[in-house]
Amino acid sequence: MVVLELRSALFTMGVDQLIQSLYGAPGLLALLLIGVGVKARSRSCAAVGAVVLMLLMTQA
């Protein structure tokens, strides 16, 4: 159980660093919106974050 949580945390931190290095502050904001949307079970918040992240990805 602890190993699974540790692996999940390391993966999340790695993805966060990758997005932040590629897309800067807007990418970090998009990940924050997705995370808040998932935790709060707000589909609209998560969708806005996903759309922002996709726009950043297609722009590069």
Protein backbone atom coordinates (compact mmCIF):
# COMPACT_ATOMS: atom_id res chain seq x y z
CA MET A 1 0.00 0.00 0.00
CA VAL A 2 2.76 2.44 0.95
CA VAL A 3 4.77 1.51 -2.14
CA LEU A 4 1.77 2.21 -4.37
CA GLU A 5 1.23 5.63 -2.78
CA LEU A 6 4.92 6.47 -3.09
CA ARG A 7 4.96 5.43 -6.75
CA SER A 8 1.86 7.50 -7.41
CA ALA A 9 3.35 10.55 -5.71
CA LEU A 10 6.60 10.24 -7.67
CA PHE A 11 4.71 9.90 -10.95
CA THR A 12 2.59 12.95 -10.13
CA MET A 13 5.64 15.02 -9.24
CA GLY A 14 7.38 13.94 -12.45
CA VAL A 15 4.40 14.89 -14.61
CA ASP A 16 4.12 18.21 -12.76
CA GLN A 17 7.79 19.03 -13.42
CA LEU A 18 7.49 18.04 -17.07
CA ILE A 19 4.40 20.18 -17.66
CA GLN A 20 5.91 23.11 -15.77
CA SER A 21 9.16 22.97 -17.77
CA LEU A 22 7.36 22.70 -21.11
CA TYR A 23 4.41 25.04 -20.61
CA GLY A 24 5.36 27.26 -17.65
CA ALA A 25 2.82 28.90 -15.37
CA PRO A 26 -0.25 28.28 -17.58
CA GLY A 27 0.52 24.56 -17.56
CA LEU A 28 0.81 24.60 -13.79
CA LEU A 29 -2.50 26.45 -13.54
CA ALA A 30 -4.15 23.88 -15.80
CA LEU A 31 -2.87 21.01 -13.63
CA LEU A 32 -4.09 22.83 -10.55
CA LEU A 33 -7.56 23.24 -12.07
CA ILE A 34 -7.68 19.57 -12.99
CA GLY A 35 -6.60 18.54 -9.50
CA VAL A 36 -9.10 20.80 -7.76
CA GLY A 37 -11.84 19.66 -10.10
CA VAL A 38 -11.18 16.01 -9.38
CA LYS A 39 -10.95 16.51 -5.60
CA ALA A 40 -14.09 18.68 -5.47
CA ARG A 41 -15.89 16.46 -8.01
CA SER A 42 -16.48 19.50 -10.17
CA ARG A 43 -16.66 18.45 -13.79
CA SER A 44 -16.60 22.01 -15.08
CA CYS A 45 -13.42 22.91 -13.19
CA ALA A 46 -11.64 19.75 -14.37
CA ALA A 47 -12.86 20.31 -17.93
CA VAL A 48 -11.57 23.88 -17.99
CA GLY A 49 -8.17 22.67 -16.78
CA ALA A 50 -8.11 19.93 -19.40
CA VAL A 51 -9.04 22.35 -22.18
CA VAL A 52 -6.34 24.82 -21.13
CA LEU A 53 -3.76 22.03 -21.04
CA MET A 54 -4.82 20.76 -24.47
CA LEU A 55 -4.63 24.26 -25.93
CA LEU A 56 -1.12 24.61 -24.56
CA MET A 57 -0.12 21.25 -26.01
CA THR A 58 -1.45 22.00 -29.49
CA GLN A 59 0.17 25.43 -29.51
CA ALA A 60 3.71 24.09 -29.07
